[in-house]
Amino acid sequence: MPRVSPFHSINEEKKPAAIRVYHDNSACAPGRDIPQFERRVGTNGYRLCDDCKKLNDQGR
């Protein structure tokens, strides 16, 4: 599965805390849409993106 080091967007902090997410799968479309200059390493305490979780559970 295309796991990558966890990362999040700098724009997550502008969202309500309950919907802030991080990504850890390179096949995740929303994660791929985050430009490199807006990415930060780590989870920052956010929950895993639903798309990443689904891909991880499917082994993709």
Protein backbone atom coordinates (compact mmCIF):
# COMPACT_ATOMS: atom_id res chain seq x y z
CA MET A 1 0.00 0.00 0.00
CA PRO A 2 1.31 3.48 -0.81
CA ARG A 3 1.72 4.72 2.76
CA VAL A 4 3.68 7.91 3.28
CA SER A 5 4.75 9.84 6.35
CA PRO A 6 1.75 11.61 7.87
CA PHE A 7 1.18 15.15 6.69
CA HIS A 8 -1.49 17.83 6.92
CA SER A 9 -2.35 21.08 5.22
CA ILE A 10 -1.53 24.41 6.83
CA ASN A 11 -5.14 25.33 5.99
CA GLU A 12 -6.58 22.71 8.38
CA GLU A 13 -6.33 25.14 11.29
CA LYS A 14 -8.88 27.37 9.54
CA LYS A 15 -11.46 24.56 9.75
CA PRO A 16 -13.53 23.58 12.79
CA ALA A 17 -11.50 21.24 15.01
CA ALA A 18 -13.91 18.33 14.46
CA ILE A 19 -13.18 18.13 10.72
CA ARG A 20 -9.41 18.70 10.64
CA VAL A 21 -7.57 15.75 9.07
CA TYR A 22 -4.15 14.45 8.19
CA HIS A 23 -3.16 12.12 5.35
CA ASP A 24 -0.86 9.10 5.12
CA ASN A 25 -1.68 7.48 1.77
CA SER A 26 -0.23 8.71 -1.52
CA ALA A 27 -3.28 7.41 -3.42
CA CYS A 28 -5.63 9.74 -1.51
CA ALA A 29 -7.10 12.29 -3.93
CA PRO A 30 -7.70 15.05 -1.35
CA GLY A 31 -4.16 14.55 -0.03
CA ARG A 32 -2.70 14.75 -3.54
CA ASP A 33 -4.57 18.03 -4.07
CA ILE A 34 -2.59 19.73 -1.29
CA PRO A 35 0.30 21.66 -2.86
CA GLN A 36 3.74 20.80 -1.48
CA PHE A 37 4.23 24.32 -0.11
CA GLU A 38 1.05 23.96 2.00
CA ARG A 39 2.04 20.58 3.52
CA ARG A 40 3.40 20.14 7.00
CA VAL A 41 4.86 16.92 8.42
CA GLY A 42 2.91 15.09 11.12
CA THR A 43 -0.65 14.59 12.27
CA ASN A 44 -0.86 17.75 14.39
CA GLY A 45 -3.37 15.83 16.52
CA TYR A 46 -5.91 15.65 13.70
CA ARG A 47 -7.88 12.53 12.74
CA LEU A 48 -6.99 10.40 9.73
CA CYS A 49 -8.68 11.42 6.48
CA ASP A 50 -11.64 9.13 5.62
CA ASP A 51 -10.26 8.52 2.11
CA CYS A 52 -6.85 7.52 3.50
CA LYS A 53 -8.51 5.20 6.02
CA LYS A 54 -10.57 3.53 3.31
CA LEU A 55 -7.53 3.07 1.05
CA ASN A 56 -5.44 1.75 3.95
CA ASP A 57 -8.19 -0.71 4.93
CA GLN A 58 -8.35 -1.95 1.33
CA GLY A 59 -4.56 -2.37 1.23
CA ARG A 60 -4.24 0.23 -1.54
